[in-house]
Amino acid sequence: MACKNARQEILDHFLDVRKMVDLGSGAKREIEDVMLTRYACYLIAQNGDPRKDEVAFAMSYFAVQTRKQELLEQRLMEWERLQAREKLTTSEGN
């Protein structure tokens, strides 16, 4: 529902697939599975049960990645501001 409400195409993020798995007897069997994009994983993590280890791990992963991105964007803005300041200083000196 979160994907649909965000006006994202569900099949672009949640793709039903079939794959072969090995059985204990050495035989193989085809099973149904779902391939997920990073966006789909994020939605599952945000809407999942944090008591489940996989969901708690995903929540932590996305929280850390979000913070890294925030810090990167902050540093880029500071670098751009510094570049603009240096350019202004150079132009005023001429």
PDB file of N, CA and C in Angstrom:
ATOM      1  N   MET A   1       0.824  -1.200   0.000  1.00  0.00           N
ATOM      2  CA  MET A   1       0.000   0.000   0.000  1.00  0.00           C
ATOM      3  C   MET A   1       0.865   1.260   0.000  1.00  0.00           C
ATOM      4  N   ALA A   2       1.983   1.240   0.718  1.00  0.00           N
ATOM      5  CA  ALA A   2       2.856   2.411   0.764  1.00  0.00           C
ATOM      6  C   ALA A   2       3.391   2.727  -0.628  1.00  0.00           C
ATOM      7  N   CYS A   3       3.749   1.711  -1.384  1.00  0.00           N
ATOM      8  CA  CYS A   3       4.252   1.905  -2.745  1.00  0.00           C
ATOM      9  C   CYS A   3       3.152   2.500  -3.633  1.00  0.00           C
ATOM     10  N   LYS A   4       1.978   1.934  -3.545  1.00  0.00           N
ATOM     11  CA  LYS A   4       0.839   2.413  -4.343  1.00  0.00           C
ATOM     12  C   LYS A   4       0.479   3.849  -3.970  1.00  0.00           C
ATOM     13  N   ASN A   5       0.433   4.142  -2.666  1.00  0.00           N
ATOM     14  CA  ASN A   5       0.077   5.489  -2.214  1.00  0.00           C
ATOM     15  C   ASN A   5       1.119   6.527  -2.595  1.00  0.00           C
ATOM     16  N   ALA A   6       2.359   6.079  -2.812  1.00  0.00           N
ATOM     17  CA  ALA A   6       3.419   6.990  -3.258  1.00  0.00           C
ATOM     18  C   ALA A   6       3.409   7.135  -4.781  1.00  0.00           C
ATOM     19  N   ARG A   7       2.407   6.548  -5.410  1.00  0.00           N
ATOM     20  CA  ARG A   7       2.236   6.592  -6.865  1.00  0.00           C
ATOM     21  C   ARG A   7       3.433   5.964  -7.596  1.00  0.00           C
ATOM     22  N   GLN A   8       3.963   4.926  -6.996  1.00  0.00           N
ATOM     23  CA  GLN A   8       5.034   4.156  -7.623  1.00  0.00           C
ATOM     24  C   GLN A   8       4.419   2.918  -8.264  1.00  0.00           C
ATOM     25  N   GLU A   9       4.975   2.509  -9.377  1.00  0.00           N
ATOM     26  CA  GLU A   9       4.508   1.299 -10.040  1.00  0.00           C
ATOM     27  C   GLU A   9       4.982   0.087  -9.234  1.00  0.00           C
ATOM     28  N   ILE A  10       4.054  -0.663  -8.687  1.00  0.00           N
ATOM     29  CA  ILE A  10       4.389  -1.776  -7.796  1.00  0.00           C
ATOM     30  C   ILE A  10       5.301  -2.788  -8.487  1.00  0.00           C
ATOM     31  N   LEU A  11       5.009  -3.121  -9.748  1.00  0.00           N
ATOM     32  CA  LEU A  11       5.811  -4.120 -10.456  1.00  0.00           C
ATOM     33  C   LEU A  11       7.227  -3.634 -10.768  1.00  0.00           C
ATOM     34  N   ASP A  12       7.466  -2.342 -10.650  1.00  0.00           N
ATOM     35  CA  ASP A  12       8.830  -1.828 -10.820  1.00  0.00           C
ATOM     36  C   ASP A  12       9.689  -2.131  -9.588  1.00  0.00           C
ATOM     37  N   HIS A  13       9.060  -2.443  -8.476  1.00  0.00           N
ATOM     38  CA  HIS A  13       9.782  -2.625  -7.211  1.00  0.00           C
ATOM     39  C   HIS A  13       9.596  -4.004  -6.578  1.00  0.00           C
ATOM     40  N   PHE A  14       8.492  -4.666  -6.889  1.00  0.00           N
ATOM     41  CA  PHE A  14       8.190  -5.995  -6.351  1.00  0.00           C
ATOM     42  C   PHE A  14       7.898  -6.913  -7.541  1.00  0.00           C
ATOM     43  N   LEU A  15       8.868  -7.735  -7.907  1.00  0.00           N
ATOM     44  CA  LEU A  15       8.721  -8.578  -9.091  1.00  0.00           C
ATOM     45  C   LEU A  15       8.608 -10.046  -8.686  1.00  0.00           C
ATOM     46  N   ASP A  16       7.473 -10.656  -9.038  1.00  0.00           N
ATOM     47  CA  ASP A  16       7.292 -12.087  -8.772  1.00  0.00           C
ATOM     48  C   ASP A  16       8.172 -12.875  -9.727  1.00  0.00           C
ATOM     49  N   VAL A  17       8.942 -13.813  -9.187  1.00  0.00           N
ATOM     50  CA  VAL A  17       9.819 -14.656  -9.996  1.00  0.00           C
ATOM     51  C   VAL A  17       9.706 -16.096  -9.521  1.00  0.00           C
ATOM     52  N   ARG A  18      10.240 -16.986 -10.308  1.00  0.00           N
ATOM     53  CA  ARG A  18      10.336 -18.396  -9.940  1.00  0.00           C
ATOM     54  C   ARG A  18      11.806 -18.755 -10.021  1.00  0.00           C
ATOM     55  N   LYS A  19      12.261 -19.586  -9.080  1.00  0.00           N
ATOM     56  CA  LYS A  19      13.659 -20.006  -9.111  1.00  0.00           C
ATOM     57  C   LYS A  19      13.773 -21.444  -8.648  1.00  0.00           C
ATOM     58  N   MET A  20      14.869 -22.053  -9.058  1.00  0.00           N
ATOM     59  CA  MET A  20      15.130 -23.439  -8.696  1.00  0.00           C
ATOM     60  C   MET A  20      15.944 -23.478  -7.407  1.00  0.00           C
ATOM     61  N   VAL A  21      15.556 -24.371  -6.502  1.00  0.00           N
ATOM     62  CA  VAL A  21      16.295 -24.550  -5.255  1.00  0.00           C
ATOM     63  C   VAL A  21      16.666 -26.019  -5.118  1.00  0.00           C
ATOM     64  N   ASP A  22      17.795 -26.246  -4.461  1.00  0.00           N
ATOM     65  CA  ASP A  22      18.236 -27.611  -4.202  1.00  0.00           C
ATOM     66  C   ASP A  22      17.511 -28.161  -2.978  1.00  0.00           C
ATOM     67  N   LEU A  23      17.055 -29.386  -3.088  1.00  0.00           N
ATOM     68  CA  LEU A  23      16.432 -30.070  -1.960  1.00  0.00           C
ATOM     69  C   LEU A  23      17.480 -30.952  -1.290  1.00  0.00           C
ATOM     70  N   GLY A  24      17.223 -31.354  -0.079  1.00  0.00           N
ATOM     71  CA  GLY A  24      18.159 -32.192   0.663  1.00  0.00           C
ATOM     72  C   GLY A  24      18.497 -33.496  -0.049  1.00  0.00           C
ATOM     73  N   SER A  25      17.575 -33.992  -0.847  1.00  0.00           N
ATOM     74  CA  SER A  25      17.784 -35.269  -1.535  1.00  0.00           C
ATOM     75  C   SER A  25      18.660 -35.124  -2.776  1.00  0.00           C
ATOM     76  N   GLY A  26      19.055 -33.895  -3.090  1.00  0.00           N
ATOM     77  CA  GLY A  26      19.842 -33.657  -4.296  1.00  0.00           C
ATOM     78  C   GLY A  26      18.980 -33.249  -5.477  1.00  0.00           C
ATOM     79  N   ALA A  27      17.681 -33.376  -5.335  1.00  0.00           N
ATOM     80  CA  ALA A  27      16.758 -32.958  -6.395  1.00  0.00           C
ATOM     81  C   ALA A  27      16.605 -31.442  -6.363  1.00  0.00           C
ATOM     82  N   LYS A  28      15.966 -30.919  -7.393  1.00  0.00           N
ATOM     83  CA  LYS A  28      15.691 -29.483  -7.470  1.00  0.00           C
ATOM     84  C   LYS A  28      14.195 -29.286  -7.583  1.00  0.00           C
ATOM     85  N   ARG A  29      13.749 -28.130  -7.077  1.00  0.00           N
ATOM     86  CA  ARG A  29      12.326 -27.805  -7.159  1.00  0.00           C
ATOM     87  C   ARG A  29      12.201 -26.323  -7.457  1.00  0.00           C
ATOM     88  N   GLU A  30      11.216 -25.979  -8.264  1.00  0.00           N
ATOM     89  CA  GLU A  30      10.950 -24.579  -8.580  1.00  0.00           C
ATOM     90  C   GLU A  30      10.052 -23.984  -7.497  1.00  0.00           C
ATOM     91  N   ILE A  31      10.422 -22.796  -7.010  1.00  0.00           N
ATOM     92  CA  ILE A  31       9.609 -22.120  -5.992  1.00  0.00           C
ATOM     93  C   ILE A  31       9.306 -20.695  -6.447  1.00  0.00           C
ATOM     94  N   GLU A  32       8.287 -20.126  -5.857  1.00  0.00           N
ATOM     95  CA  GLU A  32       7.948 -18.729  -6.113  1.00  0.00           C
ATOM     96  C   GLU A  32       8.769 -17.849  -5.180  1.00  0.00           C
ATOM     97  N   ASP A  33       9.186 -16.690  -5.675  1.00  0.00           N
ATOM     98  CA  ASP A  33       9.969 -15.751  -4.886  1.00  0.00           C
ATOM     99  C   ASP A  33       9.619 -14.348  -5.359  1.00  0.00           C
ATOM    100  N   VAL A  34      10.153 -13.354  -4.690  1.00  0.00           N
ATOM    101  CA  VAL A  34       9.929 -11.961  -5.074  1.00  0.00           C
ATOM    102  C   VAL A  34      11.278 -11.254  -5.092  1.00  0.00           C
ATOM    103  N   MET A  35      11.578 -10.595  -6.205  1.00  0.00           N
ATOM    104  CA  MET A  35      12.784  -9.757  -6.286  1.00  0.00           C
ATOM    105  C   MET A  35      12.380  -8.341  -5.873  1.00  0.00           C
ATOM    106  N   LEU A  36      13.221  -7.709  -5.048  1.00  0.00           N
ATOM    107  CA  LEU A  36      12.921  -6.386  -4.504  1.00  0.00           C
ATOM    108  C   LEU A  36      13.969  -5.368  -4.915  1.00  0.00           C
ATOM    109  N   THR A  37      13.527  -4.152  -5.181  1.00  0.00           N
ATOM    110  CA  THR A  37      14.464  -3.054  -5.357  1.00  0.00           C
ATOM    111  C   THR A  37      14.844  -2.534  -3.969  1.00  0.00           C
ATOM    112  N   ARG A  38      15.821  -1.655  -3.926  1.00  0.00           N
ATOM    113  CA  ARG A  38      16.211  -1.035  -2.652  1.00  0.00           C
ATOM    114  C   ARG A  38      15.008  -0.283  -2.065  1.00  0.00           C
ATOM    115  N   TYR A  39      14.248   0.370  -2.921  1.00  0.00           N
ATOM    116  CA  TYR A  39      13.059   1.102  -2.474  1.00  0.00           C
ATOM    117  C   TYR A  39      12.065   0.144  -1.811  1.00  0.00           C
ATOM    118  N   ALA A  40      11.844  -1.021  -2.417  1.00  0.00           N
ATOM    119  CA  ALA A  40      10.932  -2.006  -1.847  1.00  0.00           C
ATOM    120  C   ALA A  40      11.445  -2.483  -0.492  1.00  0.00           C
ATOM    121  N   CYS A  41      12.749  -2.716  -0.409  1.00  0.00           N
ATOM    122  CA  CYS A  41      13.339  -3.139   0.872  1.00  0.00           C
ATOM    123  C   CYS A  41      13.122  -2.075   1.940  1.00  0.00           C
ATOM    124  N   TYR A  42      13.283  -0.825   1.552  1.00  0.00           N
ATOM    125  CA  TYR A  42      13.072   0.283   2.487  1.00  0.00           C
ATOM    126  C   TYR A  42      11.626   0.291   2.990  1.00  0.00           C
ATOM    127  N   LEU A  43      10.683   0.139   2.066  1.00  0.00           N
ATOM    128  CA  LEU A  43       9.274   0.137   2.465  1.00  0.00           C
ATOM    129  C   LEU A  43       8.966  -1.021   3.410  1.00  0.00           C
ATOM    130  N   ILE A  44       9.512  -2.175   3.119  1.00  0.00           N
ATOM    131  CA  ILE A  44       9.289  -3.336   3.986  1.00  0.00           C
ATOM    132  C   ILE A  44       9.884  -3.078   5.366  1.00  0.00           C
ATOM    133  N   ALA A  45      11.091  -2.527   5.382  1.00  0.00           N
ATOM    134  CA  ALA A  45      11.748  -2.249   6.670  1.00  0.00           C
ATOM    135  C   ALA A  45      10.938  -1.247   7.488  1.00  0.00           C
ATOM    136  N   GLN A  46      10.452  -0.215   6.852  1.00  0.00           N
ATOM    137  CA  GLN A  46       9.731   0.824   7.572  1.00  0.00           C
ATOM    138  C   GLN A  46       8.357   0.367   8.055  1.00  0.00           C
ATOM    139  N   ASN A  47       7.817  -0.644   7.392  1.00  0.00           N
ATOM    140  CA  ASN A  47       6.472  -1.108   7.742  1.00  0.00           C
ATOM    141  C   ASN A  47       6.466  -2.490   8.375  1.00  0.00           C
ATOM    142  N   GLY A  48       7.654  -3.029   8.623  1.00  0.00           N
ATOM    143  CA  GLY A  48       7.751  -4.372   9.169  1.00  0.00           C
ATOM    144  C   GLY A  48       7.762  -4.397  10.688  1.00  0.00           C
ATOM    145  N   ASP A  49       7.805  -5.585  11.214  1.00  0.00           N
ATOM    146  CA  ASP A  49       7.810  -5.820  12.659  1.00  0.00           C
ATOM    147  C   ASP A  49       9.249  -5.769  13.175  1.00  0.00           C
ATOM    148  N   PRO A  50       9.625  -4.741  13.949  1.00  0.00           N
ATOM    149  CA  PRO A  50      11.009  -4.596  14.397  1.00  0.00           C
ATOM    150  C   PRO A  50      11.465  -5.699  15.354  1.00  0.00           C
ATOM    151  N   ARG A  51      10.549  -6.543  15.791  1.00  0.00           N
ATOM    152  CA  ARG A  51      10.950  -7.680  16.635  1.00  0.00           C
ATOM    153  C   ARG A  51      11.609  -8.781  15.808  1.00  0.00           C
ATOM    154  N   LYS A  52      11.430  -8.729  14.502  1.00  0.00           N
ATOM    155  CA  LYS A  52      12.059  -9.712  13.615  1.00  0.00           C
ATOM    156  C   LYS A  52      13.476  -9.222  13.302  1.00  0.00           C
ATOM    157  N   ASP A  53      14.442 -10.104  13.453  1.00  0.00           N
ATOM    158  CA  ASP A  53      15.848  -9.725  13.271  1.00  0.00           C
ATOM    159  C   ASP A  53      16.119  -9.080  11.919  1.00  0.00           C
ATOM    160  N   GLU A  54      15.552  -9.652  10.849  1.00  0.00           N
ATOM    161  CA  GLU A  54      15.804  -9.125   9.503  1.00  0.00           C
ATOM    162  C   GLU A  54      15.243  -7.714   9.352  1.00  0.00           C
ATOM    163  N   VAL A  55      14.088  -7.480   9.912  1.00  0.00           N
ATOM    164  CA  VAL A  55      13.464  -6.154   9.822  1.00  0.00           C
ATOM    165  C   VAL A  55      14.252  -5.153  10.669  1.00  0.00           C
ATOM    166  N   ALA A  56      14.642  -5.550  11.869  1.00  0.00           N
ATOM    167  CA  ALA A  56      15.429  -4.665  12.728  1.00  0.00           C
ATOM    168  C   ALA A  56      16.755  -4.312  12.054  1.00  0.00           C
ATOM    169  N   PHE A  57      17.407  -5.294  11.412  1.00  0.00           N
ATOM    170  CA  PHE A  57      18.656  -5.037  10.693  1.00  0.00           C
ATOM    171  C   PHE A  57      18.427  -4.051   9.561  1.00  0.00           C
ATOM    172  N   ALA A  58      17.358  -4.266   8.783  1.00  0.00           N
ATOM    173  CA  ALA A  58      17.058  -3.376   7.657  1.00  0.00           C
ATOM    174  C   ALA A  58      16.754  -1.964   8.137  1.00  0.00           C
ATOM    175  N   MET A  59      16.019  -1.839   9.236  1.00  0.00           N
ATOM    176  CA  MET A  59      15.719  -0.513   9.792  1.00  0.00           C
ATOM    177  C   MET A  59      17.019   0.203  10.164  1.00  0.00           C
ATOM    178  N   SER A  60      17.909  -0.504  10.808  1.00  0.00           N
ATOM    179  CA  SER A  60      19.190   0.071  11.210  1.00  0.00           C
ATOM    180  C   SER A  60      20.013   0.452   9.978  1.00  0.00           C
ATOM    181  N   TYR A  61      20.057  -0.435   8.997  1.00  0.00           N
ATOM    182  CA  TYR A  61      20.816  -0.177   7.764  1.00  0.00           C
ATOM    183  C   TYR A  61      20.333   1.112   7.103  1.00  0.00           C
ATOM    184  N   PHE A  62      19.029   1.245   6.914  1.00  0.00           N
ATOM    185  CA  PHE A  62      18.506   2.422   6.235  1.00  0.00           C
ATOM    186  C   PHE A  62      18.677   3.685   7.077  1.00  0.00           C
ATOM    187  N   ALA A  63      18.606   3.580   8.391  1.00  0.00           N
ATOM    188  CA  ALA A  63      18.853   4.741   9.254  1.00  0.00           C
ATOM    189  C   ALA A  63      20.295   5.216   9.091  1.00  0.00           C
ATOM    190  N   VAL A  64      21.238   4.279   9.080  1.00  0.00           N
ATOM    191  CA  VAL A  64      22.660   4.633   8.922  1.00  0.00           C
ATOM    192  C   VAL A  64      22.900   5.238   7.539  1.00  0.00           C
ATOM    193  N   GLN A  65      22.345   4.634   6.502  1.00  0.00           N
ATOM    194  CA  GLN A  65      22.546   5.142   5.144  1.00  0.00           C
ATOM    195  C   GLN A  65      21.939   6.539   4.973  1.00  0.00           C
ATOM    196  N   THR A  66      20.786   6.764   5.602  1.00  0.00           N
ATOM    197  CA  THR A  66      20.166   8.087   5.532  1.00  0.00           C
ATOM    198  C   THR A  66      21.057   9.138   6.183  1.00  0.00           C
ATOM    199  N   ARG A  67      21.622   8.799   7.333  1.00  0.00           N
ATOM    200  CA  ARG A  67      22.510   9.741   8.032  1.00  0.00           C
ATOM    201  C   ARG A  67      23.768  10.011   7.217  1.00  0.00           C
ATOM    202  N   LYS A  68      24.331   8.984   6.600  1.00  0.00           N
ATOM    203  CA  LYS A  68      25.510   9.168   5.745  1.00  0.00           C
ATOM    204  C   LYS A  68      25.199  10.137   4.605  1.00  0.00           C
ATOM    205  N   GLN A  69      24.039   9.961   3.998  1.00  0.00           N
ATOM    206  CA  GLN A  69      23.644  10.836   2.895  1.00  0.00           C
ATOM    207  C   GLN A  69      23.456  12.270   3.371  1.00  0.00           C
ATOM    208  N   GLU A  70      22.856  12.445   4.544  1.00  0.00           N
ATOM    209  CA  GLU A  70      22.682  13.788   5.100  1.00  0.00           C
ATOM    210  C   GLU A  70      24.036  14.460   5.321  1.00  0.00           C
ATOM    211  N   LEU A  71      24.986  13.721   5.874  1.00  0.00           N
ATOM    212  CA  LEU A  71      26.322  14.280   6.120  1.00  0.00           C
ATOM    213  C   LEU A  71      27.025  14.611   4.814  1.00  0.00           C
ATOM    214  N   LEU A  72      26.887  13.752   3.820  1.00  0.00           N
ATOM    215  CA  LEU A  72      27.497  14.003   2.518  1.00  0.00           C
ATOM    216  C   LEU A  72      26.921  15.266   1.882  1.00  0.00           C
ATOM    217  N   GLU A  73      25.610  15.403   1.922  1.00  0.00           N
ATOM    218  CA  GLU A  73      24.971  16.590   1.354  1.00  0.00           C
ATOM    219  C   GLU A  73      25.397  17.847   2.098  1.00  0.00           C
ATOM    220  N   GLN A  74      25.531  17.762   3.412  1.00  0.00           N
ATOM    221  CA  GLN A  74      25.978  18.908   4.203  1.00  0.00           C
ATOM    222  C   GLN A  74      27.398  19.306   3.801  1.00  0.00           C
ATOM    223  N   ARG A  75      28.280  18.325   3.667  1.00  0.00           N
ATOM    224  CA  ARG A  75      29.661  18.625   3.273  1.00  0.00           C
ATOM    225  C   ARG A  75      29.733  19.223   1.878  1.00  0.00           C
ATOM    226  N   LEU A  76      28.911  18.722   0.968  1.00  0.00           N
ATOM    227  CA  LEU A  76      28.895  19.278  -0.387  1.00  0.00           C
ATOM    228  C   LEU A  76      28.432  20.730  -0.383  1.00  0.00           C
ATOM    229  N   MET A  77      27.414  21.033   0.414  1.00  0.00           N
ATOM    230  CA  MET A  77      26.938  22.421   0.498  1.00  0.00           C
ATOM    231  C   MET A  77      28.018  23.326   1.090  1.00  0.00           C
ATOM    232  N   GLU A  78      28.717  22.832   2.114  1.00  0.00           N
ATOM    233  CA  GLU A  78      29.791  23.619   2.719  1.00  0.00           C
ATOM    234  C   GLU A  78      30.926  23.831   1.722  1.00  0.00           C
ATOM    235  N   TRP A  79      31.254  22.802   0.949  1.00  0.00           N
ATOM    236  CA  TRP A  79      32.317  22.916  -0.046  1.00  0.00           C
ATOM    237  C   TRP A  79      31.924  23.917  -1.133  1.00  0.00           C
ATOM    238  N   GLU A  80      30.678  23.865  -1.599  1.00  0.00           N
ATOM    239  CA  GLU A  80      30.199  24.803  -2.612  1.00  0.00           C
ATOM    240  C   GLU A  80      30.220  26.230  -2.078  1.00  0.00           C
ATOM    241  N   ARG A  81      29.833  26.408  -0.816  1.00  0.00           N
ATOM    242  CA  ARG A  81      29.864  27.731  -0.209  1.00  0.00           C
ATOM    243  C   ARG A  81      31.301  28.252  -0.123  1.00  0.00           C
ATOM    244  N   LEU A  82      32.224  27.368   0.247  1.00  0.00           N
ATOM    245  CA  LEU A  82      33.636  27.747   0.317  1.00  0.00           C
ATOM    246  C   LEU A  82      34.167  28.109  -1.068  1.00  0.00           C
ATOM    247  N   GLN A  83      33.796  27.343  -2.074  1.00  0.00           N
ATOM    248  CA  GLN A  83      34.235  27.649  -3.443  1.00  0.00           C
ATOM    249  C   GLN A  83      33.700  29.006  -3.901  1.00  0.00           C
ATOM    250  N   ALA A  84      32.449  29.289  -3.589  1.00  0.00           N
ATOM    251  CA  ALA A  84      31.852  30.574  -3.965  1.00  0.00           C
ATOM    252  C   ALA A  84      32.561  31.715  -3.236  1.00  0.00           C
ATOM    253  N   ARG A  85      32.874  31.505  -1.969  1.00  0.00           N
ATOM    254  CA  ARG A  85      33.575  32.522  -1.178  1.00  0.00           C
ATOM    255  C   ARG A  85      34.969  32.783  -1.752  1.00  0.00           C
ATOM    256  N   GLU A  86      35.693  31.723  -2.116  1.00  0.00           N
ATOM    257  CA  GLU A  86      37.024  31.871  -2.702  1.00  0.00           C
ATOM    258  C   GLU A  86      36.958  32.585  -4.048  1.00  0.00           C
ATOM    259  N   LYS A  87      35.934  32.284  -4.844  1.00  0.00           N
ATOM    260  CA  LYS A  87      35.760  32.926  -6.137  1.00  0.00           C
ATOM    261  C   LYS A  87      35.491  34.418  -5.944  1.00  0.00           C
ATOM    262  N   LEU A  88      34.663  34.751  -4.965  1.00  0.00           N
ATOM    263  CA  LEU A  88      34.362  36.148  -4.668  1.00  0.00           C
ATOM    264  C   LEU A  88      35.611  36.873  -4.203  1.00  0.00           C
ATOM    265  N   THR A  89      36.381  36.238  -3.330  1.00  0.00           N
ATOM    266  CA  THR A  89      37.620  36.838  -2.825  1.00  0.00           C
ATOM    267  C   THR A  89      38.591  37.107  -3.967  1.00  0.00           C
ATOM    268  N   THR A  90      38.711  36.151  -4.871  1.00  0.00           N
ATOM    269  CA  THR A  90      39.616  36.292  -6.032  1.00  0.00           C
ATOM    270  C   THR A  90      39.157  37.422  -6.936  1.00  0.00           C
ATOM    271  N   SER A  91      37.840  37.503  -7.192  1.00  0.00           N
ATOM    272  CA  SER A  91      37.331  38.542  -8.084  1.00  0.00           C
ATOM    273  C   SER A  91      37.430  39.926  -7.460  1.00  0.00           C
ATOM    274  N   GLU A  92      37.301  40.025  -6.130  1.00  0.00           N
ATOM    275  CA  GLU A  92      37.430  41.329  -5.464  1.00  0.00           C
ATOM    276  C   GLU A  92      38.885  41.775  -5.423  1.00  0.00           C
ATOM    277  N   GLY A  93      39.802  40.830  -5.435  1.00  0.00           N
ATOM    278  CA  GLY A  93      41.223  41.151  -5.385  1.00  0.00           C
ATOM    279  C   GLY A  93      41.764  41.653  -6.711  1.00  0.00           C
ATOM    280  N   ASN A  94      41.064  41.427  -7.781  1.00  0.00           N
ATOM    281  CA  ASN A  94      41.544  41.845  -9.108  1.00  0.00           C
ATOM    282  C   ASN A  94      41.063  43.195  -9.465  1.00  0.00           C
TER     283      ASN A  94
END
